[in-house]
Protein backbone atom coordinates (compact mmCIF):
# COMPACT_ATOMS: atom_id res chain seq x y z
CA MET A 1 0.00 0.00 0.00
CA LEU A 2 0.96 3.66 -0.20
CA ILE A 3 1.20 5.92 2.82
CA PRO A 4 2.31 9.55 3.12
CA ASP A 5 5.97 9.83 4.06
CA ASP A 6 6.07 10.60 7.78
CA GLN A 7 9.84 10.27 7.97
CA ARG A 8 9.68 6.84 9.60
CA ASP A 9 12.56 4.44 9.13
CA ALA A 10 12.19 2.65 5.81
CA VAL A 11 14.31 0.45 3.57
CA ALA A 12 15.64 2.42 0.62
CA ILE A 13 15.17 0.75 -2.77
CA GLU A 14 18.01 1.51 -5.19
CA LEU A 15 16.68 1.44 -8.74
CA VAL A 16 18.68 0.13 -11.69
CA THR A 17 17.58 0.08 -15.33
CA LYS A 18 18.45 -2.70 -17.78
CA THR A 19 20.39 -0.31 -19.99
CA GLU A 20 22.65 0.90 -17.20
CA HIS A 21 22.94 -2.43 -15.43
CA SER A 22 26.31 -3.53 -16.83
CA ASP A 23 28.08 -0.23 -16.14
CA TRP A 24 26.48 0.02 -12.71
CA GLN A 25 27.49 -3.50 -11.76
CA GLU A 26 31.10 -2.86 -12.76
CA GLN A 27 31.22 -0.03 -10.24
CA GLN A 28 30.22 -2.32 -7.37
CA SER A 29 32.61 -4.13 -5.05
CA ALA A 30 33.83 -7.59 -5.93
CA GLN A 31 31.70 -9.12 -3.19
CA THR A 32 28.61 -7.27 -4.40
CA ARG A 33 29.21 -8.44 -7.98
CA ILE A 34 29.32 -12.02 -6.74
CA TRP A 35 25.95 -11.58 -5.02
CA LEU A 36 24.45 -9.96 -8.13
CA ASP A 37 25.73 -12.73 -10.39
CA ARG A 38 24.40 -15.39 -8.03
CA ALA A 39 20.97 -13.67 -8.09
CA GLN A 40 21.18 -13.31 -11.90
CA PHE A 41 20.26 -9.67 -11.48
CA LYS A 42 19.94 -7.95 -14.86
CA GLY A 43 17.82 -4.89 -14.05
CA ARG A 44 14.57 -6.40 -15.27
CA ALA A 45 11.35 -4.95 -13.87
CA GLY A 46 10.27 -6.84 -10.79
CA GLN A 47 13.74 -8.21 -10.01
CA PHE A 48 15.17 -7.47 -6.60
CA VAL A 49 18.09 -8.60 -4.49
CA PHE A 50 19.14 -7.87 -0.92
CA LEU A 51 22.87 -7.21 -0.61
CA PRO A 52 24.99 -7.31 2.53
CA ASP A 53 26.19 -4.09 4.08
CA GLU A 54 29.67 -3.67 5.52
CA ALA A 55 28.66 -5.70 8.55
CA GLY A 56 27.32 -8.53 6.37
CA ALA A 57 23.63 -7.88 7.13
CA PRO A 58 21.22 -7.89 4.13
CA ASN A 59 20.27 -4.24 4.48
CA ARG A 60 20.84 -2.97 0.95
CA LEU A 61 17.97 -3.49 -1.49
CA ILE A 62 18.46 -3.25 -5.28
CA ALA A 63 15.52 -3.43 -7.69
CA GLY A 64 15.41 -3.57 -11.46
CA VAL A 65 13.00 -1.27 -13.30
CA GLY A 66 13.25 -2.50 -16.88
CA ASP A 67 14.27 -0.24 -19.75
CA THR A 68 13.01 2.90 -18.02
CA LEU A 69 11.32 3.73 -14.74
CA GLY A 70 7.55 3.69 -15.15
CA PHE A 71 4.20 2.26 -14.15
CA GLU A 72 5.17 -1.42 -14.32
CA SER A 73 8.71 -1.07 -12.94
CA VAL A 74 8.09 -1.75 -9.25
CA ALA A 75 4.42 -2.77 -9.27
CA ASP A 76 5.10 -6.43 -8.51
CA LEU A 77 7.39 -5.53 -5.61
CA ALA A 78 4.31 -4.39 -3.70
CA LYS A 79 3.52 -8.06 -3.02
CA ALA A 80 6.90 -9.73 -3.55
CA LEU A 81 9.08 -7.93 -1.00
CA PRO A 82 9.16 -8.97 2.66
CA PRO A 83 6.67 -7.05 4.83
CA GLY A 84 7.94 -3.68 5.91
CA ASP A 85 8.24 0.00 5.00
CA TYR A 86 10.07 1.07 1.86
CA ARG A 87 11.14 4.22 0.07
CA LEU A 88 12.20 4.60 -3.58
CA GLU A 89 15.48 6.35 -4.36
CA THR A 90 14.42 8.38 -7.39
CA GLU A 91 16.68 11.45 -7.49
CA ARG A 92 17.96 10.78 -11.00
CA PHE A 93 14.58 10.11 -12.63
CA ASP A 94 12.12 12.68 -13.99
CA ASP A 95 8.95 13.60 -12.11
CA ALA A 96 6.54 11.81 -14.45
CA ALA A 97 8.45 8.53 -14.18
CA VAL A 98 8.62 8.78 -10.41
CA TYR A 99 4.87 9.47 -10.17
CA ALA A 100 4.12 6.51 -12.45
CA ALA A 101 6.30 4.19 -10.39
CA HIS A 102 4.53 5.11 -7.14
CA LEU A 103 1.17 4.67 -8.85
CA GLY A 104 2.20 1.26 -10.15
CA TRP A 105 3.16 0.17 -6.65
CA GLY A 106 -0.13 1.45 -5.24
CA LEU A 107 -2.24 -0.35 -7.84
CA GLY A 108 -0.08 -3.46 -7.68
CA ALA A 109 -0.57 -3.64 -3.91
CA TYR A 110 -4.35 -3.85 -4.26
CA ARG A 111 -6.04 -6.78 -2.53
CA PHE A 112 -9.73 -7.64 -2.23
CA ASP A 113 -9.90 -9.19 1.23
CA GLU A 114 -13.49 -8.43 2.16
CA TYR A 115 -14.42 -12.12 2.22
CA ARG A 116 -11.11 -13.60 3.38
CA LYS A 117 -9.44 -13.88 6.73
CA ALA A 118 -7.65 -10.57 7.22
CA PRO A 119 -3.85 -10.74 6.84
CA GLY A 120 -1.81 -9.96 9.94
CA PRO A 121 -0.28 -6.51 10.41
CA ASP A 122 3.14 -7.90 9.49
CA ALA A 123 1.91 -8.67 5.97
CA ALA A 124 1.81 -5.01 4.90
CA ARG A 125 4.35 -3.71 2.43
CA SER A 126 4.15 0.05 2.60
CA LEU A 127 5.75 2.49 0.19
CA LEU A 128 6.27 5.97 1.60
CA VAL A 129 4.99 8.68 -0.74
CA PRO A 130 6.87 12.00 -0.72
CA GLU A 131 4.94 15.21 -0.10
CA GLY A 132 5.03 16.26 -3.74
CA LEU A 133 3.45 13.00 -4.92
CA LYS A 134 0.41 12.84 -2.66
CA ALA A 135 -1.89 13.19 -5.67
CA VAL A 136 -1.08 9.57 -6.46
CA LEU A 137 -3.10 8.58 -3.39
CA ASP A 138 -6.21 10.04 -5.03
CA GLU A 139 -5.78 7.86 -8.09
CA VAL A 140 -5.15 4.70 -6.11
CA ALA A 141 -8.20 5.34 -3.92
CA SER A 142 -10.43 5.99 -6.94
CA VAL A 143 -9.30 2.92 -8.87
CA SER A 144 -9.73 0.85 -5.70
CA ILE A 145 -13.37 1.99 -5.44
CA THR A 146 -14.00 0.67 -8.94
CA ARG A 147 -12.15 -2.58 -8.32
CA ASP A 148 -13.89 -3.20 -4.99
CA LEU A 149 -17.35 -2.73 -6.47
CA VAL A 150 -16.66 -5.03 -9.42
CA ASN A 151 -15.17 -7.70 -7.16
CA ARG A 152 -18.04 -7.72 -4.67
CA PRO A 153 -20.51 -10.60 -5.13
CA THR A 154 -24.02 -9.70 -6.21
CA GLU A 155 -25.64 -10.94 -3.01
CA ASP A 156 -24.02 -7.89 -1.37
CA LEU A 157 -24.33 -5.54 -4.34
CA LEU A 158 -27.88 -5.62 -5.60
CA PRO A 159 -29.41 -2.34 -6.83
CA HIS A 160 -30.26 -1.15 -3.31
CA ASP A 161 -26.69 -1.88 -2.20
CA LEU A 162 -25.29 0.02 -5.16
CA GLU A 163 -27.51 2.92 -4.17
CA SER A 164 -26.01 2.79 -0.66
CA GLU A 165 -22.46 2.92 -2.04
CA ALA A 166 -23.32 5.87 -4.26
CA ARG A 167 -25.00 7.65 -1.35
CA LYS A 168 -21.85 7.21 0.78
CA LEU A 169 -19.81 8.83 -1.98
CA ALA A 170 -22.22 11.75 -2.22
CA ILE A 171 -22.19 12.28 1.54
CA ALA A 172 -18.38 12.20 1.62
CA PHE A 173 -18.20 15.17 -0.75
CA ASP A 174 -21.36 17.01 0.32
CA ALA A 175 -22.95 16.30 -3.07
CA ASP A 176 -26.68 16.26 -3.77
CA PHE A 177 -28.20 12.79 -4.01
CA GLU A 178 -31.48 11.57 -5.45
CA CYS A 179 -32.77 8.12 -6.32
CA ILE A 180 -35.93 7.15 -8.19
CA VAL A 181 -37.01 3.64 -7.20
CA GLY A 182 -39.48 1.02 -8.41
CA ASP A 183 -42.81 2.18 -9.84
CA ASP A 184 -41.77 5.79 -9.41
CA LEU A 185 -39.59 5.16 -12.48
CA LEU A 186 -42.74 4.58 -14.53
CA ARG A 187 -44.32 7.77 -13.27
CA ALA A 188 -41.14 9.67 -14.18
CA GLY A 189 -41.01 8.17 -17.68
CA PHE A 190 -38.08 5.77 -17.20
CA ALA A 191 -39.89 2.69 -18.47
CA THR A 192 -36.83 0.97 -19.90
CA ILE A 193 -35.00 0.97 -16.56
CA HIS A 194 -38.11 -0.31 -14.81
CA THR A 195 -38.79 -2.98 -17.42
CA VAL A 196 -35.32 -4.47 -17.34
CA GLY A 197 -35.14 -4.53 -13.55
CA ARG A 198 -38.69 -5.31 -12.45
CA ALA A 199 -38.14 -9.08 -12.08
CA SER A 200 -35.55 -8.68 -9.34
CA VAL A 201 -36.15 -8.87 -5.60
CA SER A 202 -34.28 -5.54 -5.47
CA ALA A 203 -36.30 -2.85 -7.21
CA PRO A 204 -34.76 -1.04 -10.19
CA ARG A 205 -33.65 2.52 -9.58
CA LEU A 206 -31.99 5.56 -11.12
CA ILE A 207 -29.20 7.02 -8.99
CA ASP A 208 -28.46 10.71 -9.48
CA ILE A 209 -25.52 12.59 -7.91
CA ARG A 210 -24.84 16.30 -8.44
CA TRP A 211 -21.71 18.18 -7.34
CA GLY A 212 -19.95 21.43 -8.16
CA GLU A 213 -20.68 25.09 -8.78
CA PRO A 214 -23.59 25.96 -11.10
CA ASP A 215 -21.47 28.22 -13.30
CA HIS A 216 -18.76 25.60 -13.97
CA PRO A 217 -18.65 23.52 -17.17
CA HIS A 218 -21.20 20.73 -17.00
CA VAL A 219 -19.86 17.16 -17.21
CA ALA A 220 -22.22 14.15 -17.15
CA LEU A 221 -21.10 10.62 -16.31
CA VAL A 222 -23.41 7.68 -17.01
CA GLY A 223 -22.63 4.13 -15.87
CA LYS A 224 -24.33 0.85 -16.61
CA GLY A 225 -25.40 -0.64 -13.29
CA VAL A 226 -26.61 -4.15 -14.11
CA CYS A 227 -25.78 -5.74 -10.78
CA PHE A 228 -26.22 -9.21 -12.22
CA ASP A 229 -27.12 -10.29 -15.73
CA SER A 230 -28.75 -13.69 -16.10
CA GLY A 231 -29.63 -12.76 -19.66
CA GLY A 232 -33.29 -12.62 -18.70
CA LEU A 233 -35.62 -14.99 -20.54
CA ASP A 234 -32.93 -15.25 -23.23
CA ILE A 235 -30.87 -16.84 -20.50
CA LYS A 236 -27.10 -17.02 -20.72
CA PRO A 237 -25.30 -20.37 -20.59
CA ALA A 238 -23.49 -21.14 -17.34
CA ASN A 239 -20.05 -20.12 -18.60
CA GLY A 240 -21.45 -16.84 -19.89
CA MET A 241 -23.13 -16.07 -16.58
CA ARG A 242 -20.25 -16.89 -14.25
CA GLN A 243 -18.68 -13.42 -14.16
CA MET A 244 -21.86 -11.40 -14.54
CA LYS A 245 -21.47 -9.83 -11.12
CA LYS A 246 -19.15 -7.49 -13.04
CA ASP A 247 -21.96 -6.24 -15.29
CA MET A 248 -22.24 -3.18 -13.08
CA GLY A 249 -18.64 -2.32 -14.01
CA GLY A 250 -19.77 0.82 -15.82
CA ALA A 251 -21.39 2.11 -12.65
CA ALA A 252 -18.23 1.24 -10.70
CA HIS A 253 -16.19 3.26 -13.20
CA VAL A 254 -18.26 6.42 -13.00
CA LEU A 255 -18.33 6.28 -9.19
CA GLY A 256 -14.55 5.85 -9.11
CA LEU A 257 -14.10 8.65 -11.64
CA ALA A 258 -16.48 10.90 -9.71
CA ASN A 259 -14.45 10.25 -6.57
CA LEU A 260 -11.29 11.38 -8.36
CA ILE A 261 -12.97 14.47 -9.81
CA MET A 262 -14.29 15.51 -6.41
CA ARG A 263 -11.09 14.68 -4.50
CA ARG A 264 -9.10 16.79 -6.93
CA LYS A 265 -11.77 19.53 -6.83
CA LEU A 266 -11.93 19.73 -10.61
CA PRO A 267 -13.85 22.93 -11.46
CA VAL A 268 -16.81 21.26 -13.17
CA ARG A 269 -20.51 20.90 -12.49
CA LEU A 270 -20.70 17.13 -12.23
CA ARG A 271 -23.72 14.91 -12.67
CA VAL A 272 -23.47 11.15 -12.22
CA LEU A 273 -26.33 8.94 -13.42
CA VAL A 274 -26.43 5.22 -12.66
CA PRO A 275 -29.41 3.13 -13.73
CA ALA A 276 -29.19 0.19 -11.32
CA VAL A 277 -31.01 -3.08 -12.03
CA GLU A 278 -30.72 -6.83 -11.85
CA ASN A 279 -31.66 -8.57 -15.09
CA ALA A 280 -33.40 -11.45 -13.37
CA ILE A 281 -35.95 -14.10 -14.36
CA SER A 282 -39.40 -14.19 -12.81
CA ALA A 283 -43.04 -14.27 -13.81
CA ASN A 284 -42.93 -10.55 -14.61
CA ALA A 285 -39.66 -10.57 -16.56
CA TYR A 286 -39.78 -8.74 -19.85
CA ARG A 287 -39.99 -10.82 -23.01
CA PRO A 288 -38.59 -10.98 -26.53
CA GLY A 289 -41.09 -9.20 -28.76
CA ASP A 290 -42.16 -6.67 -26.14
CA VAL A 291 -42.09 -2.99 -27.13
CA ILE A 292 -40.94 -0.34 -24.65
CA ARG A 293 -41.39 3.42 -24.89
CA THR A 294 -38.18 5.06 -23.72
CA TYR A 295 -37.79 8.32 -21.80
CA LYS A 296 -36.95 10.01 -25.12
CA GLY A 297 -40.22 8.73 -26.61
CA THR A 298 -38.51 6.33 -29.00
CA THR A 299 -40.14 2.90 -29.07
CA VAL A 300 -37.87 -0.14 -28.91
CA GLU A 301 -38.75 -3.70 -29.82
CA ILE A 302 -37.02 -6.29 -27.65
CA ASP A 303 -35.25 -8.79 -29.85
CA ASN A 304 -33.09 -10.19 -27.05
CA THR A 305 -33.49 -9.71 -23.31
CA ASP A 306 -29.73 -10.16 -22.92
CA ALA A 307 -29.17 -6.81 -24.65
CA GLU A 308 -30.39 -5.01 -21.55
CA GLY A 309 -27.52 -2.63 -20.85
CA ARG A 310 -28.26 -0.34 -23.76
CA LEU A 311 -31.89 -0.18 -22.64
CA ILE A 312 -31.18 1.18 -19.19
CA LEU A 313 -28.44 3.47 -20.52
CA CYS A 314 -30.66 5.08 -23.14
CA ASP A 315 -33.01 6.55 -20.52
CA ALA A 316 -30.11 7.86 -18.43
CA LEU A 317 -28.41 9.36 -21.49
CA THR A 318 -31.61 11.12 -22.50
CA LEU A 319 -31.89 12.59 -19.02
CA ALA A 320 -28.26 13.72 -19.13
CA VAL A 321 -28.84 15.50 -22.45
CA GLU A 322 -31.61 17.67 -20.97
CA GLU A 323 -29.08 19.87 -19.17
CA GLU A 324 -26.92 20.25 -22.30
CA PRO A 325 -23.61 19.15 -20.78
CA GLU A 326 -20.34 20.04 -22.47
CA ILE A 327 -19.48 16.34 -22.50
CA ILE A 328 -21.25 13.09 -21.68
CA VAL A 329 -19.09 10.09 -20.78
CA ASP A 330 -20.62 6.65 -20.38
CA PHE A 331 -18.97 3.42 -19.28
CA ALA A 332 -20.55 0.01 -19.79
CA THR A 333 -19.68 -3.66 -19.88
CA LEU A 334 -21.82 -3.74 -22.97
CA THR A 335 -20.83 -6.33 -25.59
CA GLY A 336 -18.85 -9.49 -26.06
CA ALA A 337 -18.21 -8.19 -29.59
CA ALA A 338 -15.89 -5.51 -28.22
CA ARG A 339 -13.91 -8.19 -26.39
CA SER A 340 -13.69 -10.26 -29.56
CA ALA A 341 -12.38 -7.24 -31.46
CA LEU A 342 -9.90 -5.87 -28.89
CA GLY A 343 -9.46 -8.54 -26.23
CA THR A 344 -10.13 -8.11 -22.55
CA GLU A 345 -7.46 -5.50 -21.73
CA LEU A 346 -8.20 -2.75 -24.26
CA PRO A 347 -11.41 -0.75 -23.85
CA ALA A 348 -13.34 0.13 -26.98
CA MET A 349 -14.01 3.87 -27.27
CA PHE A 350 -16.74 5.37 -29.46
CA THR A 351 -17.27 9.10 -29.76
CA ASN A 352 -18.96 11.63 -32.01
CA ARG A 353 -16.11 14.15 -31.63
CA ASP A 354 -12.64 13.70 -33.10
CA ASP A 355 -11.02 16.05 -30.58
CA ILE A 356 -12.35 13.95 -27.70
CA ALA A 357 -10.99 10.79 -29.28
CA THR A 358 -7.59 12.36 -29.87
CA GLY A 359 -7.38 13.81 -26.36
CA ILE A 360 -8.40 10.68 -24.47
CA SER A 361 -6.24 8.43 -26.65
CA ALA A 362 -3.20 10.60 -26.02
CA ALA A 363 -3.88 10.64 -22.28
CA GLY A 364 -4.27 6.89 -22.20
CA GLU A 365 -1.01 6.32 -24.01
CA ALA A 366 0.87 8.68 -21.70
CA LEU A 367 -0.60 7.18 -18.53
CA ASP A 368 -0.44 3.45 -19.34
CA ASP A 369 -4.24 3.45 -19.41
CA PRO A 370 -4.84 2.68 -23.09
CA VAL A 371 -8.09 2.91 -25.04
CA TRP A 372 -8.81 2.23 -28.69
CA ARG A 373 -11.22 4.19 -30.86
CA MET A 374 -13.81 2.19 -32.78
CA PRO A 375 -16.01 3.56 -35.60
CA LEU A 376 -19.58 4.78 -35.35
CA HIS A 377 -20.17 3.39 -38.82
CA ALA A 378 -23.41 5.10 -39.85
CA PRO A 379 -24.55 2.55 -42.49
CA TYR A 380 -24.90 -0.04 -39.72
CA ARG A 381 -27.79 1.98 -38.27
CA LYS A 382 -30.04 0.10 -40.70
CA MET A 383 -29.39 -3.01 -38.61
CA LEU A 384 -31.30 -1.37 -35.74
CA THR A 385 -34.60 -1.13 -37.64
CA SER A 386 -37.70 -2.92 -36.38
CA PRO A 387 -40.84 -3.78 -38.35
CA ILE A 388 -43.12 -2.57 -35.54
CA ALA A 389 -41.11 -0.03 -33.49
CA ASP A 390 -38.65 2.81 -34.01
CA LEU A 391 -35.65 0.64 -33.07
CA THR A 392 -34.71 -2.87 -32.05
CA ASN A 393 -32.43 -3.44 -29.09
CA ALA A 394 -30.47 -6.25 -30.77
CA PRO A 395 -29.92 -6.69 -34.51
CA SER A 396 -30.35 -10.20 -35.84
CA SER A 397 -26.92 -10.05 -37.51
CA PRO A 398 -24.03 -11.34 -35.35
CA TYR A 399 -21.58 -8.93 -36.97
CA GLY A 400 -20.42 -5.54 -35.70
CA GLY A 401 -22.15 -5.97 -32.36
CA ALA A 402 -20.10 -3.37 -30.47
CA ILE A 403 -20.72 -0.83 -33.24
CA THR A 404 -24.47 -1.38 -33.43
CA ALA A 405 -24.72 -1.14 -29.63
CA ALA A 406 -22.86 2.18 -29.73
CA LEU A 407 -25.05 3.41 -32.58
CA TYR A 408 -28.12 2.56 -30.52
CA LEU A 409 -26.80 4.72 -27.67
CA GLU A 410 -25.84 7.51 -30.06
CA HIS A 411 -29.50 7.86 -31.01
CA PHE A 412 -30.20 9.14 -27.48
CA VAL A 413 -27.46 11.78 -27.11
CA ASP A 414 -28.86 14.24 -29.68
CA GLU A 415 -25.43 15.07 -31.14
CA LYS A 416 -24.12 16.36 -27.81
CA PRO A 417 -20.37 15.76 -27.28
CA TRP A 418 -20.33 12.15 -26.12
CA VAL A 419 -17.92 9.30 -25.56
CA HIS A 420 -18.86 5.71 -24.84
CA PHE A 421 -16.57 3.05 -23.42
CA ASP A 422 -17.33 -0.64 -23.91
CA ILE A 423 -15.17 -2.25 -21.24
CA MET A 424 -14.31 -5.61 -19.71
CA ALA A 425 -13.92 -4.14 -16.17
CA MET A 426 -11.93 -7.19 -15.12
CA ASN A 427 -8.42 -8.61 -15.51
CA ILE A 428 -8.36 -12.29 -16.39
CA ARG A 429 -4.57 -12.51 -16.02
CA HIS A 430 -2.00 -10.83 -13.82
CA ARG A 431 0.12 -7.97 -15.17
CA PRO A 432 2.29 -5.60 -13.12
CA GLY A 433 -0.07 -3.13 -11.47
CA HIS A 434 -3.11 -5.07 -12.72
CA PRO A 435 -4.05 -7.95 -10.39
CA VAL A 436 -6.63 -10.51 -11.47
CA GLY A 437 -10.17 -9.32 -10.79
CA GLY A 438 -12.03 -6.04 -11.05
CA GLU A 439 -10.26 -3.29 -12.95
CA ALA A 440 -10.63 0.37 -13.88
CA MET A 441 -10.14 0.77 -17.62
CA GLY A 442 -9.86 4.20 -19.18
CA LEU A 443 -10.76 5.92 -15.90
CA ARG A 444 -7.42 7.66 -15.42
CA ALA A 445 -7.23 8.60 -19.10
CA VAL A 446 -10.66 10.23 -18.99
CA PHE A 447 -9.82 12.15 -15.83
CA ASP A 448 -6.61 13.45 -17.37
CA PHE A 449 -8.54 14.58 -20.44
CA LEU A 450 -11.21 16.31 -18.35
CA ALA A 451 -8.59 17.98 -16.18
CA GLY A 452 -6.80 19.24 -19.26
CA ARG A 453 -9.99 20.59 -20.81
CA PHE A 454 -11.79 21.96 -17.76
CA GLY A 455 -9.08 22.36 -15.11
CA ALA A 456 -8.40 25.75 -13.59
């Protein structure tokens, strides 16, 4: 974990790059070179070796960082080193590299222990964060919110639980909070949210958080909050349902991003909308062939009840548009097609503004938080036609599924500046700084873009 540097005693970590390793090793004592050779130390990221001091005690710690110091350089050390307090020796590296290294440690140290026996106090590996780098704590805390929510099992994160988590966030930052629940959704015109979630024991709801000064630029965040997705009557197979506790990953992303925006006091007028449902199966579950009238007034024929995310998002997007925000950002674990196209580790980004795509892509590349722009290919809109309604929620064609889902959402943003992320929200393999389980994807890139555009 990361803790502010309070000048406590800590083990200094000497950092060595691969490129400088040979010259550096030649400058060491003969005894030290023997130890380094025995450890096969080459300066690779994640490598470390304890060396004896003049008294023979193993008090000198050397760590490799790879080609250059960065996000992945020391991330694995956060769990590999013996328990204790550590401090990076970074005097010869630039500020951006040092920040990235501390962030990598912080995200690499993440553990989800809510349902496991708590580790003892001696299991902690703490990295002391210098005064000038305390902003890294904000990022780690915000990503951890997203990861925690995605990792939590549905039995403890049904729509009413998600509401409670969002309410805690609003209270922490003195933000306004509102939630429309159950049949009140119908009276307010949010029939799609109600329809998708009405079969659950936890009533569907629309969570609404507002924060910031009225005269600041208006930013709207919308997150898909499907707390579990059985597929509805078009039920998923067992292997497709196993990880569906993560189908509220979009909601987890916007709550984590909102936390970062508010912690950093970004000068924006923020609105966070989370339609929260469980796509369950019961006697009152919605059916293929049903037609729903959305909050926008558009009618939608249900071709597949497993294409529920776009249904709940379309009402929330329409609501967001009413206040004419300067940008709308939505996150959703929306389609398997996006995973087929880009794999599980690269979020698909769709946007109706080239400058937004360029800005977020550049931020993602700089911050090791990559995204990849996908096309809003207009001719595919024909695939969304229905013989009896204005739109269908799921084209019969199996091709271009991520694109047609994005085009469906685009219909509801009325050409306002908008960006949509189709994300996995979960790591299925370990990478430095990215443990297996819930993950924030594109969150840091979006914040950097917003800070660059709207920051003071």
